[in-house]
Amino acid sequence: MEKKVIPVTIYAESTPNPNVMKFVANKILVKYGVTVEYKNESECEEAPLARVLFTFPFVESIFFSNNFVSITKADFVEWDDVVLELREYLTNYLQAGNEIFTKPPVETQHTVTNEEGEEKQVKVTAMPQNEAEEKIINLLEEYVRPAVEGDGGAIHFKSYENGILTVRMSGACSGCPSSSATLQGGIKNLFNRFMPEIQDVVAEEV
């Protein structure tokens, strides 16, 4: 019996990080709120798509979120030379119905409630311990995550202590030259407005 071809389209989108390209699919690749990053092939035991992407010699890291995968390339190639090859490979792989994960990625997740009262799960690296941390996570989810995800990355709450908020950045945001400007400008301004007790915001890259 012939295997059914699943209609899939992929388009490539540049990110603020010149070494990272975002490949967006017309289907969900990983459950909403879940992000997962692989730095080498040995980490991909339960991620067959990531494993085969590492067979491309220029691929340095792979990041999945929602309906896209961000791929970090090595400096010895230019995106113009490889982006079509990767886009076609991803399209063919997904159209063939091949597995993205053999086991769904597991993360530390926290339930947040939006203004409409709807609940959803979001990733955190540490669970909130008080109302201040709960408010921080809600602000990150509502105002920061969509913009960062649009650039092919992710940001998650890690800790809040002595007026210092620590967040974890991954995907295209990790090592991105403009991520510090984003942190200094947008994120700090956001918390100056809503939580002035936060004296500084620092980022930990994955």
C-alpha atoms as a PDB file:
ATOM      1  CA  MET A   1       0.000   0.000   0.000  1.00  0.00           C
ATOM      2  CA  GLU A   2       1.412   3.368  -1.018  1.00  0.00           C
ATOM      3  CA  LYS A   3       2.262   5.691   1.856  1.00  0.00           C
ATOM      4  CA  LYS A   4       0.023   8.759   1.950  1.00  0.00           C
ATOM      5  CA  VAL A   5       1.767  12.056   1.277  1.00  0.00           C
ATOM      6  CA  ILE A   6       0.914  14.715   3.849  1.00  0.00           C
ATOM      7  CA  PRO A   7       0.692  18.247   2.345  1.00  0.00           C
ATOM      8  CA  VAL A   8       3.410  20.288   4.049  1.00  0.00           C
ATOM      9  CA  THR A   9       4.861  23.671   3.217  1.00  0.00           C
ATOM     10  CA  ILE A  10       7.997  25.158   4.727  1.00  0.00           C
ATOM     11  CA  TYR A  11       9.295  28.679   4.377  1.00  0.00           C
ATOM     12  CA  ALA A  12      12.575  30.111   5.610  1.00  0.00           C
ATOM     13  CA  GLU A  13      12.685  33.287   7.664  1.00  0.00           C
ATOM     14  CA  SER A  14      15.814  35.157   8.727  1.00  0.00           C
ATOM     15  CA  THR A  15      16.344  36.047  12.404  1.00  0.00           C
ATOM     16  CA  PRO A  16      18.301  38.811  14.159  1.00  0.00           C
ATOM     17  CA  ASN A  17      21.038  36.235  14.681  1.00  0.00           C
ATOM     18  CA  PRO A  18      22.897  35.980  11.338  1.00  0.00           C
ATOM     19  CA  ASN A  19      23.877  32.367  12.001  1.00  0.00           C
ATOM     20  CA  VAL A  20      20.306  31.216  12.673  1.00  0.00           C
ATOM     21  CA  MET A  21      17.547  30.596  10.140  1.00  0.00           C
ATOM     22  CA  LYS A  22      13.941  29.890  11.143  1.00  0.00           C
ATOM     23  CA  PHE A  23      12.089  27.252   9.107  1.00  0.00           C
ATOM     24  CA  VAL A  24       8.329  27.616   9.577  1.00  0.00           C
ATOM     25  CA  ALA A  25       5.894  24.790   8.799  1.00  0.00           C
ATOM     26  CA  ASN A  26       2.146  24.819   8.211  1.00  0.00           C
ATOM     27  CA  LYS A  27       1.798  22.250  11.008  1.00  0.00           C
ATOM     28  CA  ILE A  28       2.654  22.048  14.693  1.00  0.00           C
ATOM     29  CA  LEU A  29       6.048  20.444  15.285  1.00  0.00           C
ATOM     30  CA  VAL A  30       5.979  20.446  19.083  1.00  0.00           C
ATOM     31  CA  LYS A  31       3.166  21.086  21.558  1.00  0.00           C
ATOM     32  CA  TYR A  32       2.417  24.724  22.365  1.00  0.00           C
ATOM     33  CA  GLY A  33       4.525  26.057  25.224  1.00  0.00           C
ATOM     34  CA  VAL A  34       7.187  23.372  24.792  1.00  0.00           C
ATOM     35  CA  THR A  35      10.620  24.243  23.446  1.00  0.00           C
ATOM     36  CA  VAL A  36      13.557  21.907  23.009  1.00  0.00           C
ATOM     37  CA  GLU A  37      17.103  22.519  21.813  1.00  0.00           C
ATOM     38  CA  TYR A  38      19.819  20.118  20.684  1.00  0.00           C
ATOM     39  CA  LYS A  39      23.500  21.011  20.608  1.00  0.00           C
ATOM     40  CA  ASN A  40      24.809  17.781  19.072  1.00  0.00           C
ATOM     41  CA  GLU A  41      23.681  14.474  17.597  1.00  0.00           C
ATOM     42  CA  SER A  42      24.256  12.536  20.836  1.00  0.00           C
ATOM     43  CA  GLU A  43      21.343  14.435  22.446  1.00  0.00           C
ATOM     44  CA  CYS A  44      18.886  13.334  19.715  1.00  0.00           C
ATOM     45  CA  GLU A  45      18.078   9.786  20.770  1.00  0.00           C
ATOM     46  CA  GLU A  46      14.340  10.595  20.886  1.00  0.00           C
ATOM     47  CA  ALA A  47      14.415  13.220  18.125  1.00  0.00           C
ATOM     48  CA  PRO A  48      14.966  11.552  14.728  1.00  0.00           C
ATOM     49  CA  LEU A  49      14.464  14.734  12.697  1.00  0.00           C
ATOM     50  CA  ALA A  50      17.109  16.581  14.709  1.00  0.00           C
ATOM     51  CA  ARG A  51      19.415  13.577  14.400  1.00  0.00           C
ATOM     52  CA  VAL A  52      19.292  13.549  10.605  1.00  0.00           C
ATOM     53  CA  LEU A  53      19.682  17.347  10.443  1.00  0.00           C
ATOM     54  CA  PHE A  54      22.999  16.981  12.267  1.00  0.00           C
ATOM     55  CA  THR A  55      24.260  14.912   9.331  1.00  0.00           C
ATOM     56  CA  PHE A  56      24.579  18.213   7.485  1.00  0.00           C
ATOM     57  CA  PRO A  57      28.161  19.247   8.345  1.00  0.00           C
ATOM     58  CA  PHE A  58      27.278  22.920   8.813  1.00  0.00           C
ATOM     59  CA  VAL A  59      24.496  22.393  11.386  1.00  0.00           C
ATOM     60  CA  GLU A  60      25.625  23.388  14.893  1.00  0.00           C
ATOM     61  CA  SER A  61      22.378  23.414  16.901  1.00  0.00           C
ATOM     62  CA  ILE A  62      18.642  22.837  16.413  1.00  0.00           C
ATOM     63  CA  PHE A  63      15.749  24.440  18.283  1.00  0.00           C
ATOM     64  CA  PHE A  64      12.070  23.408  18.094  1.00  0.00           C
ATOM     65  CA  SER A  65       9.088  25.508  19.174  1.00  0.00           C
ATOM     66  CA  ASN A  66       5.451  25.449  18.120  1.00  0.00           C
ATOM     67  CA  ASN A  67       5.430  25.282  14.273  1.00  0.00           C
ATOM     68  CA  PHE A  68       9.070  26.081  13.525  1.00  0.00           C
ATOM     69  CA  VAL A  69      12.612  24.831  13.837  1.00  0.00           C
ATOM     70  CA  SER A  70      15.530  27.254  14.130  1.00  0.00           C
ATOM     71  CA  ILE A  71      18.841  25.960  12.814  1.00  0.00           C
ATOM     72  CA  THR A  72      22.216  27.430  13.729  1.00  0.00           C
ATOM     73  CA  LYS A  73      24.883  27.099  11.039  1.00  0.00           C
ATOM     74  CA  ALA A  74      28.653  27.149  11.181  1.00  0.00           C
ATOM     75  CA  ASP A  75      30.570  30.188   9.957  1.00  0.00           C
ATOM     76  CA  PHE A  76      32.155  28.377   7.002  1.00  0.00           C
ATOM     77  CA  VAL A  77      28.917  28.437   4.961  1.00  0.00           C
ATOM     78  CA  GLU A  78      26.479  31.155   3.917  1.00  0.00           C
ATOM     79  CA  TRP A  79      22.726  30.735   4.172  1.00  0.00           C
ATOM     80  CA  ASP A  80      22.322  31.537   0.477  1.00  0.00           C
ATOM     81  CA  ASP A  81      24.220  28.329  -0.303  1.00  0.00           C
ATOM     82  CA  VAL A  82      22.273  25.939   1.932  1.00  0.00           C
ATOM     83  CA  VAL A  83      18.844  27.350   2.809  1.00  0.00           C
ATOM     84  CA  LEU A  84      17.041  25.824  -0.202  1.00  0.00           C
ATOM     85  CA  GLU A  85      18.595  22.426   0.464  1.00  0.00           C
ATOM     86  CA  LEU A  86      17.435  22.472   4.088  1.00  0.00           C
ATOM     87  CA  ARG A  87      13.955  23.726   3.223  1.00  0.00           C
ATOM     88  CA  GLU A  88      13.457  20.971   0.639  1.00  0.00           C
ATOM     89  CA  TYR A  89      14.805  18.333   3.017  1.00  0.00           C
ATOM     90  CA  LEU A  90      12.446  19.402   5.808  1.00  0.00           C
ATOM     91  CA  THR A  91       9.491  19.504   3.417  1.00  0.00           C
ATOM     92  CA  ASN A  92      10.193  16.004   2.073  1.00  0.00           C
ATOM     93  CA  TYR A  93      10.799  14.595   5.558  1.00  0.00           C
ATOM     94  CA  LEU A  94       7.516  15.914   6.957  1.00  0.00           C
ATOM     95  CA  GLN A  95       5.490  15.077   3.831  1.00  0.00           C
ATOM     96  CA  ALA A  96       6.629  11.475   4.132  1.00  0.00           C
ATOM     97  CA  GLY A  97       5.075  11.355   7.608  1.00  0.00           C
ATOM     98  CA  ASN A  98       8.380  10.657   9.350  1.00  0.00           C
ATOM     99  CA  GLU A  99       8.587  11.116  13.115  1.00  0.00           C
ATOM    100  CA  ILE A 100       9.811  14.393  14.614  1.00  0.00           C
ATOM    101  CA  PHE A 101      10.031  12.903  18.115  1.00  0.00           C
ATOM    102  CA  THR A 102       9.708   9.290  19.216  1.00  0.00           C
ATOM    103  CA  LYS A 103       8.776  10.557  22.680  1.00  0.00           C
ATOM    104  CA  PRO A 104       7.270  14.000  23.391  1.00  0.00           C
ATOM    105  CA  PRO A 105       9.799  16.348  25.038  1.00  0.00           C
ATOM    106  CA  VAL A 106       9.176  16.779  28.769  1.00  0.00           C
ATOM    107  CA  GLU A 107       9.724  20.129  30.453  1.00  0.00           C
ATOM    108  CA  THR A 108       9.022  21.990  33.641  1.00  0.00           C
ATOM    109  CA  GLN A 109       5.729  23.708  32.916  1.00  0.00           C
ATOM    110  CA  HIS A 110       3.548  26.160  34.765  1.00  0.00           C
ATOM    111  CA  THR A 111      -0.102  27.067  34.229  1.00  0.00           C
ATOM    112  CA  VAL A 112      -0.827  30.725  33.482  1.00  0.00           C
ATOM    113  CA  THR A 113      -4.204  32.415  33.041  1.00  0.00           C
ATOM    114  CA  ASN A 114      -4.726  35.183  30.486  1.00  0.00           C
ATOM    115  CA  GLU A 115      -7.079  38.162  30.761  1.00  0.00           C
ATOM    116  CA  GLU A 116      -9.942  36.101  29.290  1.00  0.00           C
ATOM    117  CA  GLY A 117      -9.541  33.517  32.032  1.00  0.00           C
ATOM    118  CA  GLU A 118      -8.113  30.875  29.688  1.00  0.00           C
ATOM    119  CA  GLU A 119      -5.444  28.584  31.097  1.00  0.00           C
ATOM    120  CA  LYS A 120      -2.397  27.309  29.228  1.00  0.00           C
ATOM    121  CA  GLN A 121       0.890  25.607  29.994  1.00  0.00           C
ATOM    122  CA  VAL A 122       4.151  27.512  29.548  1.00  0.00           C
ATOM    123  CA  LYS A 123       7.736  26.438  30.040  1.00  0.00           C
ATOM    124  CA  VAL A 124       9.739  27.648  33.020  1.00  0.00           C
ATOM    125  CA  THR A 125      13.121  26.550  34.313  1.00  0.00           C
ATOM    126  CA  ALA A 126      11.921  27.022  37.898  1.00  0.00           C
ATOM    127  CA  MET A 127       8.412  27.020  39.342  1.00  0.00           C
ATOM    128  CA  PRO A 128       7.197  30.309  40.855  1.00  0.00           C
ATOM    129  CA  GLN A 129       7.431  30.456  44.640  1.00  0.00           C
ATOM    130  CA  ASN A 130       5.399  33.600  45.309  1.00  0.00           C
ATOM    131  CA  GLU A 131       3.049  36.163  43.751  1.00  0.00           C
ATOM    132  CA  ALA A 132       5.921  38.280  42.385  1.00  0.00           C
ATOM    133  CA  GLU A 133       7.364  35.359  40.429  1.00  0.00           C
ATOM    134  CA  GLU A 134       3.890  34.437  39.198  1.00  0.00           C
ATOM    135  CA  LYS A 135       3.452  37.997  37.894  1.00  0.00           C
ATOM    136  CA  ILE A 136       6.872  37.889  36.195  1.00  0.00           C
ATOM    137  CA  ILE A 137       5.971  34.698  34.321  1.00  0.00           C
ATOM    138  CA  ASN A 138       2.648  36.170  33.207  1.00  0.00           C
ATOM    139  CA  LEU A 139       4.353  39.324  31.913  1.00  0.00           C
ATOM    140  CA  LEU A 140       6.983  37.310  30.040  1.00  0.00           C
ATOM    141  CA  GLU A 141       4.304  35.117  28.493  1.00  0.00           C
ATOM    142  CA  GLU A 142       1.993  37.972  27.467  1.00  0.00           C
ATOM    143  CA  TYR A 143       4.441  40.630  26.279  1.00  0.00           C
ATOM    144  CA  VAL A 144       7.841  39.058  25.604  1.00  0.00           C
ATOM    145  CA  ARG A 145       7.425  35.457  24.419  1.00  0.00           C
ATOM    146  CA  PRO A 146       5.522  36.244  21.178  1.00  0.00           C
ATOM    147  CA  ALA A 147       8.175  38.710  20.000  1.00  0.00           C
ATOM    148  CA  VAL A 148      11.088  36.459  20.923  1.00  0.00           C
ATOM    149  CA  GLU A 149       9.405  33.433  19.322  1.00  0.00           C
ATOM    150  CA  GLY A 150       8.869  35.523  16.188  1.00  0.00           C
ATOM    151  CA  ASP A 151      12.640  35.896  16.007  1.00  0.00           C
ATOM    152  CA  GLY A 152      13.144  32.128  16.257  1.00  0.00           C
ATOM    153  CA  GLY A 153      14.023  31.921  19.930  1.00  0.00           C
ATOM    154  CA  ALA A 154      12.580  31.503  23.397  1.00  0.00           C
ATOM    155  CA  ILE A 155      12.775  33.154  26.793  1.00  0.00           C
ATOM    156  CA  HIS A 156      11.845  31.566  30.120  1.00  0.00           C
ATOM    157  CA  PHE A 157      11.790  32.577  33.761  1.00  0.00           C
ATOM    158  CA  LYS A 158      14.643  31.148  35.822  1.00  0.00           C
ATOM    159  CA  SER A 159      14.831  33.048  39.111  1.00  0.00           C
ATOM    160  CA  TYR A 160      14.081  36.282  40.947  1.00  0.00           C
ATOM    161  CA  GLU A 161      16.178  37.206  43.955  1.00  0.00           C
ATOM    162  CA  ASN A 162      17.246  40.453  45.618  1.00  0.00           C
ATOM    163  CA  GLY A 163      15.715  42.570  42.853  1.00  0.00           C
ATOM    164  CA  ILE A 164      17.492  40.643  40.078  1.00  0.00           C
ATOM    165  CA  LEU A 165      15.428  38.764  37.485  1.00  0.00           C
ATOM    166  CA  THR A 166      17.269  36.008  35.638  1.00  0.00           C
ATOM    167  CA  VAL A 167      15.804  34.643  32.414  1.00  0.00           C
ATOM    168  CA  ARG A 168      17.020  31.851  30.161  1.00  0.00           C
ATOM    169  CA  MET A 169      17.295  32.517  26.424  1.00  0.00           C
ATOM    170  CA  SER A 170      17.577  29.804  23.779  1.00  0.00           C
ATOM    171  CA  GLY A 171      17.215  29.198  20.057  1.00  0.00           C
ATOM    172  CA  ALA A 172      18.108  32.157  17.857  1.00  0.00           C
ATOM    173  CA  CYS A 173      18.410  34.360  20.957  1.00  0.00           C
ATOM    174  CA  SER A 174      21.370  32.375  22.250  1.00  0.00           C
ATOM    175  CA  GLY A 175      24.525  34.148  21.127  1.00  0.00           C
ATOM    176  CA  CYS A 176      22.579  36.693  19.084  1.00  0.00           C
ATOM    177  CA  PRO A 177      24.351  40.087  18.837  1.00  0.00           C
ATOM    178  CA  SER A 178      21.048  41.937  19.227  1.00  0.00           C
ATOM    179  CA  SER A 179      19.705  39.932  22.171  1.00  0.00           C
ATOM    180  CA  SER A 180      21.472  42.156  24.702  1.00  0.00           C
ATOM    181  CA  ALA A 181      19.851  45.199  23.137  1.00  0.00           C
ATOM    182  CA  THR A 182      16.466  43.483  23.352  1.00  0.00           C
ATOM    183  CA  LEU A 183      17.132  42.721  26.998  1.00  0.00           C
ATOM    184  CA  GLN A 184      18.320  46.215  27.862  1.00  0.00           C
ATOM    185  CA  GLY A 185      15.585  47.967  25.914  1.00  0.00           C
ATOM    186  CA  GLY A 186      12.304  46.138  25.646  1.00  0.00           C
ATOM    187  CA  ILE A 187      12.372  43.728  28.578  1.00  0.00           C
ATOM    188  CA  LYS A 188      13.824  46.107  31.159  1.00  0.00           C
ATOM    189  CA  ASN A 189      11.443  48.854  30.072  1.00  0.00           C
ATOM    190  CA  LEU A 190       8.544  46.439  30.440  1.00  0.00           C
ATOM    191  CA  PHE A 191       9.445  45.604  34.028  1.00  0.00           C
ATOM    192  CA  ASN A 192      10.239  49.223  34.866  1.00  0.00           C
ATOM    193  CA  ARG A 193       6.630  49.922  33.956  1.00  0.00           C
ATOM    194  CA  PHE A 194       4.867  46.983  35.614  1.00  0.00           C
ATOM    195  CA  MET A 195       7.289  45.897  38.368  1.00  0.00           C
ATOM    196  CA  PRO A 196       9.685  48.737  39.249  1.00  0.00           C
ATOM    197  CA  GLU A 197      10.968  46.715  42.199  1.00  0.00           C
ATOM    198  CA  ILE A 198      12.977  44.676  39.668  1.00  0.00           C
ATOM    199  CA  GLN A 199      16.335  46.431  39.562  1.00  0.00           C
ATOM    200  CA  ASP A 200      17.987  44.459  36.787  1.00  0.00           C
ATOM    201  CA  VAL A 201      17.278  41.719  34.232  1.00  0.00           C
ATOM    202  CA  VAL A 202      20.066  39.326  33.261  1.00  0.00           C
ATOM    203  CA  ALA A 203      20.030  36.579  30.664  1.00  0.00           C
ATOM    204  CA  GLU A 204      21.507  33.105  30.855  1.00  0.00           C
ATOM    205  CA  GLU A 205      22.063  31.540  27.456  1.00  0.00           C
ATOM    206  CA  VAL A 206      21.538  27.832  26.935  1.00  0.00           C
END
